[in-house]
């Protein structure tokens, strides 16, 4: 046992991107990974009322989608902004609002596939979004445990918080993990005017991968991101780790099953979405074990990286 125990998480995310039909046959499950280094002790926020999406945004029923669970750091009051507004115009909830849709097929050879972040290795890339509220160093502890297992992951951090703790980005990259831009304050990019959009992307974590909040980026957003030197990086497997049922966070077993039961198409060259504030880190050992039992490997950690993520990914 690693002794990696007291790890807090705070907040919740929300997604509406993809819900899959489970595989017709259950996948084999291997023995648990030896170390339970990703143990999480959950600390839940109080449930907040959902904030309607901005006009024109693609939401769910009644423009108050089922994924809408606003989470705030430090109990900031609700404000007037878009999804996850915290009263000061800073949206800092987890990724959310991603439309359910069938899995995208792999892009033709030589074409960048933003759902797979340019992953053509056959391996699976694990990604962790947002920010570990109330415990910033949690990111580094998770990174250290992944490194110890020879795994390279990608962390997409909210720029406002990453700027307050610049050592975290440096340490994650030194550990061999990619660190990407998750915007500066986690606002809904299509709802912003051109100047706001420019600032929201430019002021985020430096690098060349951008994961837009809510996974939502239209042609305008993609073009501006490209002008600023960023490629869009979304995912093929959403663990829905941000979901709550009757106030309870999604369980480790359910998070694990969301990856185990994903389709082969979603896994090969795939990208798994989880969050730094959820039970996703606690599920990581089992997720890795399941993938290996099914014949898949995760991205290998080959040592420190720079802010530039290679294309194709070096997995």
C-alpha atoms as a PDB file:
ATOM      1  CA  UNK A   1       0.000   0.000   0.000  1.00  0.00           C
ATOM      2  CA  UNK A   2       1.256   3.423  -0.858  1.00  0.00           C
ATOM      3  CA  UNK A   3      -0.162   5.395   2.052  1.00  0.00           C
ATOM      4  CA  UNK A   4      -1.814   7.741  -0.419  1.00  0.00           C
ATOM      5  CA  UNK A   5      -4.970   8.143   1.556  1.00  0.00           C
ATOM      6  CA  UNK A   6      -6.160  11.556   2.639  1.00  0.00           C
ATOM      7  CA  UNK A   7      -7.045  13.082  -0.687  1.00  0.00           C
ATOM      8  CA  UNK A   8      -9.912  15.487  -0.806  1.00  0.00           C
ATOM      9  CA  UNK A   9     -12.083  16.295  -3.718  1.00  0.00           C
ATOM     10  CA  UNK A  10     -14.555  19.091  -4.068  1.00  0.00           C
ATOM     11  CA  UNK A  11     -17.044  20.174  -6.689  1.00  0.00           C
ATOM     12  CA  UNK A  12     -18.760  18.427  -9.496  1.00  0.00           C
ATOM     13  CA  UNK A  13     -18.701  18.494 -13.242  1.00  0.00           C
ATOM     14  CA  UNK A  14     -21.312  17.896 -15.851  1.00  0.00           C
ATOM     15  CA  UNK A  15     -21.302  16.472 -19.332  1.00  0.00           C
ATOM     16  CA  UNK A  16     -23.726  15.801 -22.031  1.00  0.00           C
ATOM     17  CA  UNK A  17     -21.472  14.401 -24.677  1.00  0.00           C
ATOM     18  CA  UNK A  18     -21.763  10.666 -25.035  1.00  0.00           C
ATOM     19  CA  UNK A  19     -23.786   7.875 -23.503  1.00  0.00           C
ATOM     20  CA  UNK A  20     -23.048   4.487 -24.962  1.00  0.00           C
ATOM     21  CA  UNK A  21     -25.001   1.272 -25.163  1.00  0.00           C
ATOM     22  CA  UNK A  22     -23.054  -1.285 -23.073  1.00  0.00           C
ATOM     23  CA  UNK A  23     -21.237  -4.145 -24.778  1.00  0.00           C
ATOM     24  CA  UNK A  24     -23.358  -7.222 -25.369  1.00  0.00           C
ATOM     25  CA  UNK A  25     -20.921  -9.386 -23.475  1.00  0.00           C
ATOM     26  CA  UNK A  26     -19.289  -8.345 -20.247  1.00  0.00           C
ATOM     27  CA  UNK A  27     -15.558  -7.740 -20.458  1.00  0.00           C
ATOM     28  CA  UNK A  28     -13.196  -9.792 -18.363  1.00  0.00           C
ATOM     29  CA  UNK A  29     -11.930  -8.137 -15.218  1.00  0.00           C
ATOM     30  CA  UNK A  30      -8.406  -8.776 -13.982  1.00  0.00           C
ATOM     31  CA  UNK A  31      -7.065  -8.685 -10.456  1.00  0.00           C
ATOM     32  CA  UNK A  32      -6.898  -5.308  -8.807  1.00  0.00           C
ATOM     33  CA  UNK A  33      -3.757  -3.261  -9.291  1.00  0.00           C
ATOM     34  CA  UNK A  34      -1.465  -3.939  -6.375  1.00  0.00           C
ATOM     35  CA  UNK A  35      -1.442  -0.471  -4.981  1.00  0.00           C
ATOM     36  CA  UNK A  36      -4.523   1.483  -3.974  1.00  0.00           C
ATOM     37  CA  UNK A  37      -2.650   4.719  -4.309  1.00  0.00           C
ATOM     38  CA  UNK A  38      -5.536   6.705  -5.676  1.00  0.00           C
ATOM     39  CA  UNK A  39      -7.792   6.430  -2.610  1.00  0.00           C
ATOM     40  CA  UNK A  40     -10.228   9.311  -2.339  1.00  0.00           C
ATOM     41  CA  UNK A  41     -12.134  10.632   0.648  1.00  0.00           C
ATOM     42  CA  UNK A  42     -15.021  12.527  -0.870  1.00  0.00           C
ATOM     43  CA  UNK A  43     -16.014  15.935   0.410  1.00  0.00           C
ATOM     44  CA  UNK A  44     -19.227  17.013  -1.301  1.00  0.00           C
ATOM     45  CA  UNK A  45     -20.428  20.523  -1.903  1.00  0.00           C
ATOM     46  CA  UNK A  46     -23.990  21.383  -1.121  1.00  0.00           C
ATOM     47  CA  UNK A  47     -26.199  20.978  -4.149  1.00  0.00           C
ATOM     48  CA  UNK A  48     -26.769  24.224  -5.994  1.00  0.00           C
ATOM     49  CA  UNK A  49     -29.598  25.168  -8.301  1.00  0.00           C
ATOM     50  CA  UNK A  50     -28.814  24.674 -11.930  1.00  0.00           C
ATOM     51  CA  UNK A  51     -28.016  27.732 -14.031  1.00  0.00           C
ATOM     52  CA  UNK A  52     -29.649  27.782 -17.497  1.00  0.00           C
ATOM     53  CA  UNK A  53     -27.321  27.655 -20.435  1.00  0.00           C
ATOM     54  CA  UNK A  54     -26.763  30.891 -22.339  1.00  0.00           C
ATOM     55  CA  UNK A  55     -29.100  31.624 -25.209  1.00  0.00           C
ATOM     56  CA  UNK A  56     -28.203  29.566 -28.225  1.00  0.00           C
ATOM     57  CA  UNK A  57     -26.203  27.016 -26.269  1.00  0.00           C
ATOM     58  CA  UNK A  58     -27.035  23.382 -26.865  1.00  0.00           C
ATOM     59  CA  UNK A  59     -28.597  22.165 -23.665  1.00  0.00           C
ATOM     60  CA  UNK A  60     -30.956  19.468 -22.531  1.00  0.00           C
ATOM     61  CA  UNK A  61     -34.566  19.390 -21.537  1.00  0.00           C
ATOM     62  CA  UNK A  62     -35.969  22.844 -20.934  1.00  0.00           C
ATOM     63  CA  UNK A  63     -32.479  24.340 -21.309  1.00  0.00           C
ATOM     64  CA  UNK A  64     -31.734  22.948 -17.821  1.00  0.00           C
ATOM     65  CA  UNK A  65     -29.875  19.794 -18.816  1.00  0.00           C
ATOM     66  CA  UNK A  66     -29.760  16.715 -16.623  1.00  0.00           C
ATOM     67  CA  UNK A  67     -26.023  17.137 -16.230  1.00  0.00           C
ATOM     68  CA  UNK A  68     -26.425  20.543 -14.668  1.00  0.00           C
ATOM     69  CA  UNK A  69     -24.853  20.377 -11.214  1.00  0.00           C
ATOM     70  CA  UNK A  70     -23.124  23.629 -10.429  1.00  0.00           C
ATOM     71  CA  UNK A  71     -20.150  23.329  -8.100  1.00  0.00           C
ATOM     72  CA  UNK A  72     -18.265  26.175  -6.566  1.00  0.00           C
ATOM     73  CA  UNK A  73     -15.039  26.551  -4.698  1.00  0.00           C
ATOM     74  CA  UNK A  74     -15.204  28.280  -1.339  1.00  0.00           C
ATOM     75  CA  UNK A  75     -18.990  28.623  -1.341  1.00  0.00           C
ATOM     76  CA  UNK A  76     -19.078  31.609  -3.701  1.00  0.00           C
ATOM     77  CA  UNK A  77     -22.591  32.905  -4.356  1.00  0.00           C
ATOM     78  CA  UNK A  78     -24.370  32.258  -7.582  1.00  0.00           C
ATOM     79  CA  UNK A  79     -24.044  34.990 -10.146  1.00  0.00           C
ATOM     80  CA  UNK A  80     -25.305  35.951 -13.542  1.00  0.00           C
ATOM     81  CA  UNK A  81     -22.889  34.162 -15.798  1.00  0.00           C
ATOM     82  CA  UNK A  82     -23.229  31.044 -17.900  1.00  0.00           C
ATOM     83  CA  UNK A  83     -22.872  27.462 -16.693  1.00  0.00           C
ATOM     84  CA  UNK A  84     -21.115  27.365 -13.345  1.00  0.00           C
ATOM     85  CA  UNK A  85     -20.926  31.108 -12.836  1.00  0.00           C
ATOM     86  CA  UNK A  86     -19.642  31.919  -9.361  1.00  0.00           C
ATOM     87  CA  UNK A  87     -20.868  35.457  -8.964  1.00  0.00           C
ATOM     88  CA  UNK A  88     -17.620  37.071 -10.035  1.00  0.00           C
ATOM     89  CA  UNK A  89     -17.943  35.927 -13.628  1.00  0.00           C
ATOM     90  CA  UNK A  90     -15.644  32.970 -12.987  1.00  0.00           C
ATOM     91  CA  UNK A  91     -17.120  29.615 -13.908  1.00  0.00           C
ATOM     92  CA  UNK A  92     -15.110  26.913 -12.254  1.00  0.00           C
ATOM     93  CA  UNK A  93     -17.221  23.831 -12.358  1.00  0.00           C
ATOM     94  CA  UNK A  94     -16.065  20.620 -13.970  1.00  0.00           C
ATOM     95  CA  UNK A  95     -16.500  19.911 -17.644  1.00  0.00           C
ATOM     96  CA  UNK A  96     -20.115  19.671 -18.399  1.00  0.00           C
ATOM     97  CA  UNK A  97     -22.918  19.841 -20.823  1.00  0.00           C
ATOM     98  CA  UNK A  98     -21.697  17.431 -23.449  1.00  0.00           C
ATOM     99  CA  UNK A  99     -24.239  16.136 -25.877  1.00  0.00           C
ATOM    100  CA  UNK A 100     -25.033  12.444 -25.988  1.00  0.00           C
ATOM    101  CA  UNK A 101     -24.134  11.052 -29.381  1.00  0.00           C
ATOM    102  CA  UNK A 102     -22.746   7.916 -30.983  1.00  0.00           C
ATOM    103  CA  UNK A 103     -19.020   7.295 -30.804  1.00  0.00           C
ATOM    104  CA  UNK A 104     -17.140   9.071 -33.557  1.00  0.00           C
ATOM    105  CA  UNK A 105     -15.307   6.734 -35.928  1.00  0.00           C
ATOM    106  CA  UNK A 106     -11.537   7.129 -36.183  1.00  0.00           C
ATOM    107  CA  UNK A 107     -10.435   9.903 -38.519  1.00  0.00           C
ATOM    108  CA  UNK A 108      -8.783   8.974 -41.811  1.00  0.00           C
ATOM    109  CA  UNK A 109      -5.042   8.484 -41.609  1.00  0.00           C
ATOM    110  CA  UNK A 110      -3.216  11.810 -41.506  1.00  0.00           C
ATOM    111  CA  UNK A 111      -6.279  13.758 -40.311  1.00  0.00           C
ATOM    112  CA  UNK A 112      -6.217  15.162 -36.778  1.00  0.00           C
ATOM    113  CA  UNK A 113      -9.010  13.603 -34.732  1.00  0.00           C
ATOM    114  CA  UNK A 114      -9.958  15.984 -31.925  1.00  0.00           C
ATOM    115  CA  UNK A 115     -12.010  13.298 -30.164  1.00  0.00           C
ATOM    116  CA  UNK A 116      -8.804  11.263 -29.831  1.00  0.00           C
ATOM    117  CA  UNK A 117      -6.431  14.210 -29.389  1.00  0.00           C
ATOM    118  CA  UNK A 118      -4.221  12.899 -32.172  1.00  0.00           C
ATOM    119  CA  UNK A 119      -3.764   9.531 -30.461  1.00  0.00           C
ATOM    120  CA  UNK A 120      -2.859   6.931 -33.082  1.00  0.00           C
ATOM    121  CA  UNK A 121      -0.808   4.673 -30.806  1.00  0.00           C
ATOM    122  CA  UNK A 122      -3.491   2.057 -30.167  1.00  0.00           C
ATOM    123  CA  UNK A 123      -3.091   2.850 -26.456  1.00  0.00           C
ATOM    124  CA  UNK A 124      -5.542   4.623 -24.159  1.00  0.00           C
ATOM    125  CA  UNK A 125      -4.874   8.108 -22.816  1.00  0.00           C
ATOM    126  CA  UNK A 126      -6.226   8.874 -19.333  1.00  0.00           C
ATOM    127  CA  UNK A 127      -7.173  12.510 -18.786  1.00  0.00           C
ATOM    128  CA  UNK A 128      -8.129  14.496 -15.688  1.00  0.00           C
ATOM    129  CA  UNK A 129      -9.917  17.827 -15.935  1.00  0.00           C
ATOM    130  CA  UNK A 130     -10.697  20.944 -13.999  1.00  0.00           C
ATOM    131  CA  UNK A 131      -9.139  21.508 -10.570  1.00  0.00           C
ATOM    132  CA  UNK A 132      -8.951  19.721  -7.199  1.00  0.00           C
ATOM    133  CA  UNK A 133     -10.839  22.255  -5.120  1.00  0.00           C
ATOM    134  CA  UNK A 134      -9.636  22.784  -1.547  1.00  0.00           C
ATOM    135  CA  UNK A 135      -6.595  20.568  -2.156  1.00  0.00           C
ATOM    136  CA  UNK A 136      -4.501  21.854  -5.077  1.00  0.00           C
ATOM    137  CA  UNK A 137      -1.635  19.465  -4.389  1.00  0.00           C
ATOM    138  CA  UNK A 138      -3.905  16.517  -5.072  1.00  0.00           C
ATOM    139  CA  UNK A 139      -3.028  16.823  -8.770  1.00  0.00           C
ATOM    140  CA  UNK A 140       0.638  16.261  -8.014  1.00  0.00           C
ATOM    141  CA  UNK A 141      -0.044  13.272  -5.770  1.00  0.00           C
ATOM    142  CA  UNK A 142      -2.134  11.645  -8.480  1.00  0.00           C
ATOM    143  CA  UNK A 143       0.590  12.429 -10.997  1.00  0.00           C
ATOM    144  CA  UNK A 144       3.232  10.828  -8.785  1.00  0.00           C
ATOM    145  CA  UNK A 145       1.247   7.601  -8.460  1.00  0.00           C
ATOM    146  CA  UNK A 146       0.641   7.398 -12.195  1.00  0.00           C
ATOM    147  CA  UNK A 147       4.329   7.973 -12.823  1.00  0.00           C
ATOM    148  CA  UNK A 148       5.197   5.182 -10.369  1.00  0.00           C
ATOM    149  CA  UNK A 149       3.068   2.838 -12.490  1.00  0.00           C
ATOM    150  CA  UNK A 150       4.752   3.976 -15.705  1.00  0.00           C
ATOM    151  CA  UNK A 151       1.626   5.778 -16.908  1.00  0.00           C
ATOM    152  CA  UNK A 152       1.489   9.113 -18.689  1.00  0.00           C
ATOM    153  CA  UNK A 153      -1.760  11.053 -18.362  1.00  0.00           C
ATOM    154  CA  UNK A 154      -2.982  14.465 -19.496  1.00  0.00           C
ATOM    155  CA  UNK A 155      -4.213  17.076 -17.029  1.00  0.00           C
ATOM    156  CA  UNK A 156      -6.443  19.884 -18.330  1.00  0.00           C
ATOM    157  CA  UNK A 157      -6.369  22.617 -15.701  1.00  0.00           C
ATOM    158  CA  UNK A 158      -8.484  25.736 -15.298  1.00  0.00           C
ATOM    159  CA  UNK A 159      -6.055  28.588 -15.912  1.00  0.00           C
ATOM    160  CA  UNK A 160      -7.187  30.881 -13.115  1.00  0.00           C
ATOM    161  CA  UNK A 161      -6.303  28.310 -10.479  1.00  0.00           C
ATOM    162  CA  UNK A 162      -3.220  26.988 -12.247  1.00  0.00           C
ATOM    163  CA  UNK A 163      -1.858  30.548 -12.297  1.00  0.00           C
ATOM    164  CA  UNK A 164      -2.179  30.707  -8.501  1.00  0.00           C
ATOM    165  CA  UNK A 165      -0.168  27.483  -8.141  1.00  0.00           C
ATOM    166  CA  UNK A 166       2.351  27.541 -11.026  1.00  0.00           C
ATOM    167  CA  UNK A 167       4.476  24.858  -9.374  1.00  0.00           C
ATOM    168  CA  UNK A 168       1.733  22.298 -10.004  1.00  0.00           C
ATOM    169  CA  UNK A 169       1.953  22.586 -13.776  1.00  0.00           C
ATOM    170  CA  UNK A 170       5.748  22.414 -13.578  1.00  0.00           C
ATOM    171  CA  UNK A 171       5.680  19.368 -11.314  1.00  0.00           C
ATOM    172  CA  UNK A 172       3.157  17.503 -13.453  1.00  0.00           C
ATOM    173  CA  UNK A 173       5.286  18.016 -16.556  1.00  0.00           C
ATOM    174  CA  UNK A 174       8.396  16.978 -14.651  1.00  0.00           C
ATOM    175  CA  UNK A 175       6.540  13.802 -13.674  1.00  0.00           C
ATOM    176  CA  UNK A 176       6.017  13.082 -17.364  1.00  0.00           C
ATOM    177  CA  UNK A 177       2.398  14.209 -17.760  1.00  0.00           C
ATOM    178  CA  UNK A 178       0.989  16.509 -20.384  1.00  0.00           C
ATOM    179  CA  UNK A 179      -0.753  19.621 -19.075  1.00  0.00           C
ATOM    180  CA  UNK A 180      -3.336  21.285 -21.294  1.00  0.00           C
ATOM    181  CA  UNK A 181      -5.467  24.422 -21.383  1.00  0.00           C
ATOM    182  CA  UNK A 182      -9.002  24.106 -19.992  1.00  0.00           C
ATOM    183  CA  UNK A 183      -9.675  27.821 -20.543  1.00  0.00           C
ATOM    184  CA  UNK A 184      -9.012  30.535 -17.985  1.00  0.00           C
ATOM    185  CA  UNK A 185     -12.275  30.565 -15.994  1.00  0.00           C
ATOM    186  CA  UNK A 186     -14.244  27.667 -17.525  1.00  0.00           C
ATOM    187  CA  UNK A 187     -16.803  29.751 -19.394  1.00  0.00           C
ATOM    188  CA  UNK A 188     -18.939  28.426 -22.229  1.00  0.00           C
ATOM    189  CA  UNK A 189     -16.804  29.446 -25.209  1.00  0.00           C
ATOM    190  CA  UNK A 190     -19.522  29.668 -27.898  1.00  0.00           C
ATOM    191  CA  UNK A 191     -21.414  32.139 -25.670  1.00  0.00           C
ATOM    192  CA  UNK A 192     -18.531  34.632 -25.583  1.00  0.00           C
ATOM    193  CA  UNK A 193     -17.879  37.525 -27.914  1.00  0.00           C
ATOM    194  CA  UNK A 194     -14.655  37.497 -29.912  1.00  0.00           C
ATOM    195  CA  UNK A 195     -12.595  39.470 -27.396  1.00  0.00           C
ATOM    196  CA  UNK A 196     -13.796  37.413 -24.444  1.00  0.00           C
ATOM    197  CA  UNK A 197     -13.140  34.204 -26.349  1.00  0.00           C
ATOM    198  CA  UNK A 198      -9.626  35.326 -27.205  1.00  0.00           C
ATOM    199  CA  UNK A 199      -8.831  36.129 -23.567  1.00  0.00           C
ATOM    200  CA  UNK A 200     -10.413  32.952 -22.223  1.00  0.00           C
ATOM    201  CA  UNK A 201      -8.172  30.813 -24.425  1.00  0.00           C
ATOM    202  CA  UNK A 202      -5.013  32.940 -24.420  1.00  0.00           C
ATOM    203  CA  UNK A 203      -4.926  33.347 -20.636  1.00  0.00           C
ATOM    204  CA  UNK A 204      -5.272  29.627 -19.958  1.00  0.00           C
ATOM    205  CA  UNK A 205      -2.433  27.204 -19.298  1.00  0.00           C
ATOM    206  CA  UNK A 206       0.331  27.631 -21.861  1.00  0.00           C
ATOM    207  CA  UNK A 207       0.723  24.779 -24.305  1.00  0.00           C
ATOM    208  CA  UNK A 208      -0.815  23.531 -27.521  1.00  0.00           C
ATOM    209  CA  UNK A 209      -3.803  21.393 -26.423  1.00  0.00           C
ATOM    210  CA  UNK A 210      -7.143  22.963 -25.508  1.00  0.00           C
ATOM    211  CA  UNK A 211     -10.039  21.094 -23.948  1.00  0.00           C
ATOM    212  CA  UNK A 212     -12.970  23.517 -24.217  1.00  0.00           C
ATOM    213  CA  UNK A 213     -15.337  23.685 -21.242  1.00  0.00           C
ATOM    214  CA  UNK A 214     -18.329  21.419 -21.815  1.00  0.00           C
ATOM    215  CA  UNK A 215     -16.415  19.960 -24.785  1.00  0.00           C
ATOM    216  CA  UNK A 216     -18.182  22.608 -26.856  1.00  0.00           C
ATOM    217  CA  UNK A 217     -16.244  24.361 -29.593  1.00  0.00           C
ATOM    218  CA  UNK A 218     -17.714  25.382 -32.933  1.00  0.00           C
ATOM    219  CA  UNK A 219     -15.908  26.491 -36.054  1.00  0.00           C
ATOM    220  CA  UNK A 220     -15.231  29.991 -34.700  1.00  0.00           C
ATOM    221  CA  UNK A 221     -13.749  28.629 -31.470  1.00  0.00           C
ATOM    222  CA  UNK A 222     -11.629  26.041 -33.272  1.00  0.00           C
ATOM    223  CA  UNK A 223     -10.282  28.617 -35.711  1.00  0.00           C
ATOM    224  CA  UNK A 224      -9.298  31.051 -32.981  1.00  0.00           C
ATOM    225  CA  UNK A 225      -7.746  28.263 -30.931  1.00  0.00           C
ATOM    226  CA  UNK A 226      -5.674  27.287 -33.962  1.00  0.00           C
ATOM    227  CA  UNK A 227      -4.576  30.908 -34.447  1.00  0.00           C
ATOM    228  CA  UNK A 228      -3.385  30.883 -30.833  1.00  0.00           C
ATOM    229  CA  UNK A 229      -1.506  27.631 -31.380  1.00  0.00           C
ATOM    230  CA  UNK A 230      -3.946  25.143 -29.826  1.00  0.00           C
ATOM    231  CA  UNK A 231      -5.439  21.878 -31.048  1.00  0.00           C
ATOM    232  CA  UNK A 232      -8.797  20.823 -29.614  1.00  0.00           C
ATOM    233  CA  UNK A 233      -8.631  17.700 -27.439  1.00  0.00           C
ATOM    234  CA  UNK A 234     -11.902  16.077 -26.342  1.00  0.00           C
ATOM    235  CA  UNK A 235     -12.493  12.377 -25.549  1.00  0.00           C
ATOM    236  CA  UNK A 236     -13.979   9.095 -26.681  1.00  0.00           C
ATOM    237  CA  UNK A 237     -15.056   7.759 -23.258  1.00  0.00           C
ATOM    238  CA  UNK A 238     -16.915   9.900 -20.720  1.00  0.00           C
ATOM    239  CA  UNK A 239     -16.910   8.296 -17.274  1.00  0.00           C
ATOM    240  CA  UNK A 240     -19.746  10.561 -16.082  1.00  0.00           C
ATOM    241  CA  UNK A 241     -17.831  10.765 -12.822  1.00  0.00           C
ATOM    242  CA  UNK A 242     -19.386  14.183 -12.197  1.00  0.00           C
ATOM    243  CA  UNK A 243     -22.897  12.769 -11.906  1.00  0.00           C
ATOM    244  CA  UNK A 244     -24.768  12.698  -8.611  1.00  0.00           C
ATOM    245  CA  UNK A 245     -27.701  10.523  -7.655  1.00  0.00           C
ATOM    246  CA  UNK A 246     -29.787  11.789  -4.761  1.00  0.00           C
ATOM    247  CA  UNK A 247     -26.867  13.920  -3.689  1.00  0.00           C
ATOM    248  CA  UNK A 248     -24.319  11.113  -3.817  1.00  0.00           C
ATOM    249  CA  UNK A 249     -21.294  11.203  -6.100  1.00  0.00           C
ATOM    250  CA  UNK A 250     -20.998   8.533  -8.742  1.00  0.00           C
ATOM    251  CA  UNK A 251     -19.404   5.451  -7.266  1.00  0.00           C
ATOM    252  CA  UNK A 252     -16.027   3.990  -8.081  1.00  0.00           C
ATOM    253  CA  UNK A 253     -17.706   0.853  -9.447  1.00  0.00           C
ATOM    254  CA  UNK A 254     -19.921   2.837 -11.820  1.00  0.00           C
ATOM    255  CA  UNK A 255     -16.998   4.943 -13.017  1.00  0.00           C
ATOM    256  CA  UNK A 256     -14.964   1.796 -13.564  1.00  0.00           C
ATOM    257  CA  UNK A 257     -17.789   0.156 -15.508  1.00  0.00           C
ATOM    258  CA  UNK A 258     -18.140   3.141 -17.829  1.00  0.00           C
ATOM    259  CA  UNK A 259     -14.650   2.445 -19.164  1.00  0.00           C
ATOM    260  CA  UNK A 260     -14.772  -1.343 -18.964  1.00  0.00           C
ATOM    261  CA  UNK A 261     -18.029  -1.478 -20.930  1.00  0.00           C
ATOM    262  CA  UNK A 262     -17.029   1.059 -23.575  1.00  0.00           C
ATOM    263  CA  UNK A 263     -16.833  -0.196 -27.146  1.00  0.00           C
ATOM    264  CA  UNK A 264     -13.557  -1.394 -28.678  1.00  0.00           C
ATOM    265  CA  UNK A 265     -13.757   1.547 -31.066  1.00  0.00           C
ATOM    266  CA  UNK A 266     -13.854   3.949 -28.139  1.00  0.00           C
ATOM    267  CA  UNK A 267     -10.894   2.264 -26.435  1.00  0.00           C
ATOM    268  CA  UNK A 268      -8.437   1.786 -29.265  1.00  0.00           C
ATOM    269  CA  UNK A 269      -6.605   5.112 -29.698  1.00  0.00           C
ATOM    270  CA  UNK A 270      -9.084   6.268 -27.075  1.00  0.00           C
ATOM    271  CA  UNK A 271      -9.200   9.087 -24.550  1.00  0.00           C
ATOM    272  CA  UNK A 272     -10.863   8.641 -21.141  1.00  0.00           C
ATOM    273  CA  UNK A 273     -12.383  11.692 -19.455  1.00  0.00           C
ATOM    274  CA  UNK A 274     -12.373  12.025 -15.673  1.00  0.00           C
ATOM    275  CA  UNK A 275     -12.019  14.811 -13.126  1.00  0.00           C
ATOM    276  CA  UNK A 276      -9.675  15.839 -10.365  1.00  0.00           C
ATOM    277  CA  UNK A 277     -12.514  16.502  -7.919  1.00  0.00           C
ATOM    278  CA  UNK A 278     -14.438  13.231  -8.300  1.00  0.00           C
ATOM    279  CA  UNK A 279     -14.019   9.554  -7.450  1.00  0.00           C
ATOM    280  CA  UNK A 280     -12.292   9.033 -10.803  1.00  0.00           C
ATOM    281  CA  UNK A 281      -8.784   8.868  -9.269  1.00  0.00           C
ATOM    282  CA  UNK A 282      -9.981   6.180  -6.864  1.00  0.00           C
ATOM    283  CA  UNK A 283     -11.158   4.153  -9.869  1.00  0.00           C
ATOM    284  CA  UNK A 284      -7.928   4.496 -11.840  1.00  0.00           C
ATOM    285  CA  UNK A 285      -6.201   1.312 -10.609  1.00  0.00           C
ATOM    286  CA  UNK A 286      -9.228  -0.805 -11.540  1.00  0.00           C
ATOM    287  CA  UNK A 287      -9.663   1.018 -14.845  1.00  0.00           C
ATOM    288  CA  UNK A 288      -6.065   0.285 -15.815  1.00  0.00           C
ATOM    289  CA  UNK A 289      -6.402  -3.331 -14.677  1.00  0.00           C
ATOM    290  CA  UNK A 290      -9.597  -3.811 -16.697  1.00  0.00           C
ATOM    291  CA  UNK A 291      -8.094  -2.306 -19.830  1.00  0.00           C
ATOM    292  CA  UNK A 292      -5.065  -4.554 -19.588  1.00  0.00           C
ATOM    293  CA  UNK A 293      -7.279  -7.612 -19.071  1.00  0.00           C
ATOM    294  CA  UNK A 294      -9.135  -6.665 -22.244  1.00  0.00           C
ATOM    295  CA  UNK A 295      -5.885  -6.417 -24.200  1.00  0.00           C
ATOM    296  CA  UNK A 296      -5.437  -2.633 -24.117  1.00  0.00           C
ATOM    297  CA  UNK A 297      -2.498  -0.641 -22.812  1.00  0.00           C
ATOM    298  CA  UNK A 298      -2.378   2.927 -21.492  1.00  0.00           C
ATOM    299  CA  UNK A 299       0.040   5.639 -22.542  1.00  0.00           C
ATOM    300  CA  UNK A 300       3.574   5.017 -21.286  1.00  0.00           C
ATOM    301  CA  UNK A 301       5.462   7.530 -19.210  1.00  0.00           C
ATOM    302  CA  UNK A 302       8.836   8.169 -20.818  1.00  0.00           C
ATOM    303  CA  UNK A 303       9.953  10.972 -18.542  1.00  0.00           C
ATOM    304  CA  UNK A 304       9.580  14.761 -18.308  1.00  0.00           C
ATOM    305  CA  UNK A 305       7.727  16.655 -21.035  1.00  0.00           C
ATOM    306  CA  UNK A 306       7.531  20.234 -22.241  1.00  0.00           C
ATOM    307  CA  UNK A 307       4.428  22.389 -22.683  1.00  0.00           C
ATOM    308  CA  UNK A 308       4.149  21.236 -26.295  1.00  0.00           C
ATOM    309  CA  UNK A 309       2.282  17.960 -26.791  1.00  0.00           C
ATOM    310  CA  UNK A 310       3.510  16.050 -29.862  1.00  0.00           C
ATOM    311  CA  UNK A 311       1.289  15.041 -32.718  1.00  0.00           C
ATOM    312  CA  UNK A 312       0.795  12.152 -33.064  1.00  0.00           C
ATOM    313  CA  UNK A 313       0.801  11.591 -29.330  1.00  0.00           C
ATOM    314  CA  UNK A 314       3.905   9.898 -27.932  1.00  0.00           C
ATOM    315  CA  UNK A 315       2.041   7.127 -26.079  1.00  0.00           C
END
